[in-house]
Protein backbone atom coordinates (compact mmCIF):
# COMPACT_ATOMS: atom_id res chain seq x y z
CA MET A 1 -0.09 -0.05 -0.07
CA ILE A 2 1.12 3.45 -0.63
CA LYS A 3 1.47 5.62 2.22
CA TYR A 4 1.47 9.62 2.11
CA SER A 5 4.40 11.05 3.91
CA VAL A 6 3.79 13.47 6.68
CA VAL A 7 6.19 15.72 8.54
CA ILE A 8 5.23 17.41 12.15
CA VAL A 9 6.50 20.81 12.82
CA ASP A 10 6.34 21.28 16.75
CA ASP A 11 8.49 22.72 19.40
CA HIS A 12 7.21 20.69 22.31
CA ILE A 13 8.81 17.30 21.53
CA LEU A 14 6.60 15.05 23.63
CA LEU A 15 3.73 16.11 22.07
CA SER A 16 5.42 16.27 18.68
CA GLN A 17 6.45 12.46 19.59
CA ALA A 18 3.04 11.65 20.33
CA ILE A 19 1.32 12.91 17.33
CA ALA A 20 3.83 11.25 15.18
CA GLY A 21 2.97 7.56 16.65
CA MET A 22 -0.53 8.40 15.98
CA VAL A 23 -0.16 9.28 12.49
CA ASP A 24 2.11 6.65 11.98
CA GLY A 25 -0.81 4.21 13.26
CA PHE A 26 -3.02 5.38 10.35
CA SER A 27 -2.91 3.12 7.54
CA LYS A 28 -2.32 5.84 4.64
CA PHE A 29 0.15 7.83 6.43
CA LYS A 30 3.73 7.90 7.62
CA VAL A 31 6.00 10.41 9.38
CA LEU A 32 9.15 11.42 7.52
CA TYR A 33 10.73 12.89 10.73
CA THR A 34 9.85 15.88 13.09
CA CYS A 35 10.97 19.12 13.82
CA LYS A 36 11.39 21.61 16.51
CA ASN A 37 10.93 24.84 14.29
CA GLY A 38 10.49 26.02 10.86
CA GLN A 39 14.21 26.82 10.10
CA GLU A 40 14.67 23.08 10.79
CA LEU A 41 12.40 22.28 8.36
CA VAL A 42 13.71 24.52 5.57
CA ASP A 43 17.09 23.01 6.15
CA LYS A 44 15.56 19.82 5.88
CA PHE A 45 13.83 20.67 2.64
CA SER A 46 17.20 22.28 1.25
CA GLU A 47 18.91 19.29 1.96
CA SER A 48 17.43 16.58 -0.24
CA PRO A 49 13.94 16.38 -2.36
CA LYS A 50 13.68 12.77 -0.15
CA PHE A 51 12.87 15.00 2.59
CA ILE A 52 9.92 16.66 1.27
CA PRO A 53 6.64 15.39 2.28
CA ASN A 54 2.90 15.20 1.23
CA VAL A 55 1.59 16.91 4.33
CA VAL A 56 3.08 19.27 7.05
CA LEU A 57 1.51 19.49 10.35
CA MET A 58 2.14 22.85 11.44
CA ASP A 59 2.39 24.30 14.83
CA ILE A 60 1.91 28.15 15.28
CA ASN A 61 3.95 29.52 17.96
CA MET A 62 7.69 28.06 17.84
CA PRO A 63 11.02 29.99 18.41
CA ILE A 64 13.35 31.11 15.21
CA MET A 65 10.92 30.81 12.81
CA ASN A 66 6.92 30.27 13.71
CA GLY A 67 4.16 28.42 11.67
CA ILE A 68 3.07 31.69 9.74
CA GLU A 69 6.55 32.31 8.09
CA THR A 70 7.25 28.60 7.65
CA THR A 71 4.02 28.21 5.88
CA ALA A 72 4.46 31.18 3.76
CA TRP A 73 7.78 29.97 2.78
CA ILE A 74 6.69 26.61 2.15
CA THR A 75 3.65 28.33 -0.23
CA GLU A 76 6.00 30.09 -2.15
CA ASN A 77 8.59 27.74 -2.75
CA HIS A 78 7.34 24.29 -2.30
CA SER A 79 3.47 24.85 -3.53
CA GLY A 80 2.83 21.06 -3.87
CA VAL A 81 3.08 20.38 -0.23
CA ASN A 82 -0.10 20.63 1.89
CA VAL A 83 0.17 22.40 5.12
CA MET A 84 -2.37 21.78 8.05
CA ALA A 85 -2.28 23.61 11.09
CA LEU A 86 -2.19 21.82 14.24
CA SER A 87 -2.24 24.04 17.41
CA VAL A 88 -3.86 25.33 20.22
CA GLU A 89 -4.31 28.83 19.07
CA ASP A 90 -8.25 29.41 18.23
CA GLU A 91 -7.78 33.27 17.68
CA ASP A 92 -9.63 33.94 14.52
CA ALA A 93 -6.99 36.57 13.73
CA THR A 94 -4.46 33.58 13.88
CA ILE A 95 -6.65 31.35 11.67
CA LEU A 96 -6.96 33.91 9.19
CA LYS A 97 -3.46 34.30 8.94
CA MET A 98 -2.46 30.62 8.53
CA LEU A 99 -5.01 30.11 5.64
CA LYS A 100 -4.04 33.47 3.85
CA VAL A 101 -0.67 32.62 3.48
CA GLY A 102 -1.35 28.87 2.23
CA ALA A 103 -2.70 26.33 4.77
CA ILE A 104 -5.30 24.27 3.57
CA GLY A 105 -6.73 22.94 6.75
CA TYR A 106 -6.68 24.17 10.81
CA LEU A 107 -7.15 21.75 13.76
CA LEU A 108 -6.84 22.47 16.96
CA LYS A 109 -4.79 19.70 19.08
CA ASP A 110 -7.51 18.60 21.45
CA THR A 111 -8.74 17.25 18.14
CA GLU A 112 -10.11 13.21 18.11
CA LYS A 113 -7.83 11.10 16.87
CA ALA A 114 -10.37 9.82 13.99
CA THR A 115 -10.70 13.56 13.07
CA LEU A 116 -7.04 14.02 12.32
CA GLU A 117 -7.44 10.93 10.42
CA LYS A 118 -10.21 12.11 8.40
CA ALA A 119 -8.53 15.49 7.79
CA LEU A 120 -5.20 14.20 6.71
CA LEU A 121 -7.41 11.93 3.94
CA GLU A 122 -9.32 14.93 2.95
CA ILE A 123 -6.19 17.03 2.28
CA VAL A 124 -4.36 14.77 0.50
CA GLU A 125 -7.32 13.24 -1.57
CA ASN A 126 -9.41 16.85 -2.04
CA GLY A 127 -6.82 19.73 -1.52
CA PHE A 128 -8.19 21.05 1.53
CA TYR A 129 -10.04 20.27 4.85
CA HIS A 130 -12.36 22.66 6.73
CA THR A 131 -14.11 22.37 9.96
CA LYS A 132 -17.63 24.32 10.10
CA ASN A 133 -16.35 27.00 12.33
CA VAL A 134 -13.13 27.38 9.89
CA THR A 135 -15.65 27.61 7.02
CA ASN A 136 -17.97 30.06 9.08
CA LEU A 137 -15.12 32.43 9.97
CA LEU A 138 -13.84 32.47 5.80
CA MET A 139 -17.74 33.51 5.22
CA LYS A 140 -17.40 36.23 7.75
CA SER A 141 -13.86 37.76 6.78
CA ILE A 142 -14.81 37.87 3.38
CA ALA A 143 -18.31 39.28 3.84
CA GLY A 144 -18.55 43.31 2.66
CA ASN A 145 -15.94 42.81 0.49
CA ARG A 146 -15.50 44.51 -2.89
CA THR A 147 -15.90 42.01 -5.89
CA GLU A 148 -13.25 41.93 -8.26
CA GLU A 149 -14.93 41.48 -11.68
CA ILE A 150 -13.29 38.70 -12.99
CA VAL A 151 -14.86 36.97 -15.99
CA LEU A 152 -15.55 33.08 -15.65
CA LYS A 153 -16.27 30.41 -18.43
CA GLU A 154 -19.47 28.57 -18.04
CA ARG A 155 -16.72 25.35 -17.36
CA GLU A 156 -14.63 27.34 -15.15
CA ILE A 157 -17.61 28.08 -12.92
CA THR A 158 -18.84 24.38 -13.13
CA PHE A 159 -15.57 23.31 -11.86
CA MET A 160 -15.54 25.90 -9.17
CA LYS A 161 -18.55 24.57 -7.50
CA TYR A 162 -17.44 20.88 -7.90
CA ALA A 163 -14.09 22.25 -6.38
CA CYS A 164 -15.84 23.34 -3.03
CA THR A 165 -17.10 20.01 -2.36
CA GLU A 166 -15.38 16.59 -0.92
CA LEU A 167 -15.02 15.66 -4.30
CA THR A 168 -11.24 14.26 -5.60
CA TYR A 169 -9.79 16.23 -9.08
CA LYS A 170 -10.51 12.97 -10.23
CA GLU A 171 -13.85 12.49 -9.33
CA ILE A 172 -14.46 16.39 -10.85
CA ALA A 173 -13.34 14.74 -14.06
CA ASP A 174 -15.48 12.33 -14.18
CA LYS A 175 -18.28 14.30 -13.17
CA MET A 176 -17.61 17.00 -16.32
CA CYS A 177 -16.67 13.99 -18.39
CA LEU A 178 -13.21 15.69 -18.99
CA SER A 179 -9.69 13.85 -18.44
CA PRO A 180 -7.85 14.62 -15.15
CA LYS A 181 -5.42 16.30 -17.15
CA THR A 182 -7.78 19.15 -18.43
CA ILE A 183 -9.31 19.33 -15.08
CA ASP A 184 -5.59 20.24 -13.83
CA GLY A 185 -5.54 22.76 -16.48
CA TYR A 186 -8.82 24.10 -15.50
CA ARG A 187 -7.56 24.74 -11.92
CA ASP A 188 -4.20 26.10 -12.71
CA VAL A 189 -5.54 28.77 -15.32
CA LEU A 190 -7.81 29.74 -12.32
CA PHE A 191 -5.20 29.92 -9.48
CA THR A 192 -3.50 32.61 -12.07
CA LYS A 193 -6.98 34.46 -12.88
CA LEU A 194 -8.05 34.44 -9.58
CA HIS A 195 -4.38 35.08 -7.48
CA VAL A 196 -5.17 32.58 -5.58
CA ARG A 197 -2.42 29.87 -4.31
CA ASN A 198 -4.59 26.49 -3.57
CA ARG A 199 -7.81 25.38 -3.33
CA VAL A 200 -8.65 27.07 -0.12
CA GLY A 201 -8.02 30.40 -2.30
CA LEU A 202 -11.01 28.88 -5.14
CA VAL A 203 -13.40 27.83 -2.38
CA MET A 204 -13.19 31.57 -0.65
CA TYR A 205 -13.57 33.40 -4.05
CA ALA A 206 -16.57 31.14 -4.96
CA ILE A 207 -18.20 31.63 -1.49
CA LYS A 208 -17.27 35.69 -1.66
CA ASN A 209 -18.87 35.96 -5.24
CA LYS A 210 -21.61 33.74 -4.57
CA ILE A 211 -20.76 31.35 -6.96
CA TYR A 212 -21.39 28.30 -4.28
CA THR A 213 -23.12 28.68 -0.81
CA PRO A 214 -22.30 26.18 1.91
């Protein structure tokens, strides 16, 4: 069975080890290594491609290089790596900062084991994971913002509506009777056209412009 690789970045060593043991127990995931701060992760990424995982579980408050700074660096330099925040921080401003710099999910550290596994699966299969609270926060944050006028084709709008669901890109391709490569093309064009970095950005744009209603 192919397993998705995970890296944990957290300065609380005992907690980090406990989370690693939990993730290693999930059938589709394995932990490559853990880091105590963002700078350690940057150094690992720079050392060898074999140290670049599918998913990074990212704490927020860390010395030297915190989670927000590290997530922004990953988004800029390794956009194919999925970052999910795993923190005790539950302030709306912190959550929004993480999402804006590229995190595609946000969980609190008191999350149940089953929820963590579900979130990891949705991230690697669907490209994002949102709890109801995070979705509501995103809706509040974009309410009242002026809509930028961008012309979207009918097929792009259809794709965006599907992208706001739990369907994988492959499943969206099947729904639209298109090849996965064509769907990847739609995604990349929309990322550029809408100035977004990931699937979360597409969802935020779709909600803001009333293309999709949760």
